[in-house]
Amino acid sequence: MAKKEYTIRHHHSSRIGGEDRYHDYTGTLEYLENEVFGYSLDCGNSWNRKIPRFPKSGKSLEKALNDSAYECRRYNDYYELIA
């Protein structure tokens, strides 16, 4: 059975009236946690132990990434679960 794939959109807002940028990342939950967003989740978890390093679903990955962005002072970034 094939593992479910998720798409996470990473938004980055420009500080000085510029254009907002985004990039879509697609893969299995394990791939996204380890290969794409591993550093972000590690950073968030190091500042706040309530942020899971290995979320169990796509929705919890989205929440963990947004919480990590806040804890790591990346206020111009946010994440959105697309599919």
Protein backbone atom coordinates (compact mmCIF):
# COMPACT_ATOMS: atom_id res chain seq x y z
CA MET A 1 0.00 0.00 0.00
CA ALA A 2 1.35 3.39 -1.00
CA LYS A 3 1.90 5.93 1.74
CA LYS A 4 -0.19 9.09 1.62
CA GLU A 5 1.50 12.16 0.20
CA TYR A 6 0.98 15.67 1.54
CA THR A 7 1.66 19.10 0.07
CA ILE A 8 2.79 21.87 2.40
CA ARG A 9 3.00 25.44 1.13
CA HIS A 10 5.66 27.61 2.78
CA HIS A 11 4.81 31.32 2.60
CA HIS A 12 7.41 34.01 3.19
CA SER A 13 6.16 37.58 3.54
CA SER A 14 8.43 40.41 2.51
CA ARG A 15 9.10 43.03 5.16
CA ILE A 16 9.22 46.08 2.93
CA GLY A 17 6.16 46.00 0.71
CA GLY A 18 7.67 43.51 -1.69
CA GLU A 19 6.08 40.50 -3.22
CA ASP A 20 5.22 37.56 -0.96
CA ARG A 21 6.85 34.30 -2.00
CA TYR A 22 5.78 30.71 -1.54
CA HIS A 23 7.05 27.25 -2.37
CA ASP A 24 5.19 23.94 -2.36
CA TYR A 25 6.77 20.78 -0.93
CA THR A 26 5.21 17.38 -1.62
CA GLY A 27 6.07 14.00 -0.11
CA THR A 28 5.19 11.45 2.51
CA LEU A 29 4.96 12.57 6.11
CA GLU A 30 8.30 10.90 6.93
CA TYR A 31 10.03 12.58 3.97
CA LEU A 32 8.68 16.03 4.87
CA GLU A 33 9.60 15.61 8.56
CA ASN A 34 13.13 14.35 7.95
CA GLU A 35 14.37 15.69 4.61
CA VAL A 36 12.52 18.96 4.10
CA PHE A 37 11.48 20.46 7.45
CA GLY A 38 13.75 18.60 9.87
CA TYR A 39 15.77 21.66 10.86
CA SER A 40 12.66 23.80 11.38
CA LEU A 41 11.05 21.16 13.60
CA ASP A 42 14.30 20.68 15.54
CA CYS A 43 14.59 24.43 16.10
CA GLY A 44 11.02 24.74 17.33
CA ASN A 45 11.33 21.69 19.56
CA SER A 46 14.53 23.03 21.10
CA TRP A 47 12.77 26.26 22.13
CA ASN A 48 9.47 24.66 23.11
CA ARG A 49 9.31 20.96 23.98
CA LYS A 50 5.55 20.93 23.32
CA ILE A 51 6.25 21.18 19.57
CA PRO A 52 6.51 17.61 18.28
CA ARG A 53 9.62 16.67 16.32
CA PHE A 54 7.68 13.92 14.49
CA PRO A 55 4.03 14.96 14.00
CA LYS A 56 1.54 12.15 13.33
CA SER A 57 -0.61 13.76 10.58
CA GLY A 58 -0.50 16.42 7.90
CA LYS A 59 -2.56 18.83 9.99
CA SER A 60 -0.31 18.36 13.03
CA LEU A 61 2.75 18.91 10.78
CA GLU A 62 1.25 22.22 9.62
CA LYS A 63 0.65 23.30 13.24
CA ALA A 64 4.13 22.20 14.36
CA LEU A 65 5.76 24.14 11.51
CA ASN A 66 3.81 27.31 12.29
CA ASP A 67 4.60 26.99 16.00
CA SER A 68 8.27 26.40 15.14
CA ALA A 69 8.38 29.49 12.93
CA TYR A 70 7.04 31.57 15.82
CA GLU A 71 9.42 30.08 18.42
CA CYS A 72 12.44 30.53 16.11
CA ARG A 73 11.53 34.19 15.49
CA ARG A 74 10.67 33.70 11.80
CA TYR A 75 7.61 35.93 12.00
CA ASN A 76 7.43 36.41 8.21
CA ASP A 77 6.99 32.69 7.53
CA TYR A 78 3.89 30.52 7.74
CA TYR A 79 2.89 27.12 6.47
CA GLU A 80 -0.33 25.82 4.95
CA LEU A 81 -1.48 22.25 4.30
CA ILE A 82 -2.65 22.13 0.67
CA ALA A 83 -3.40 18.42 0.19
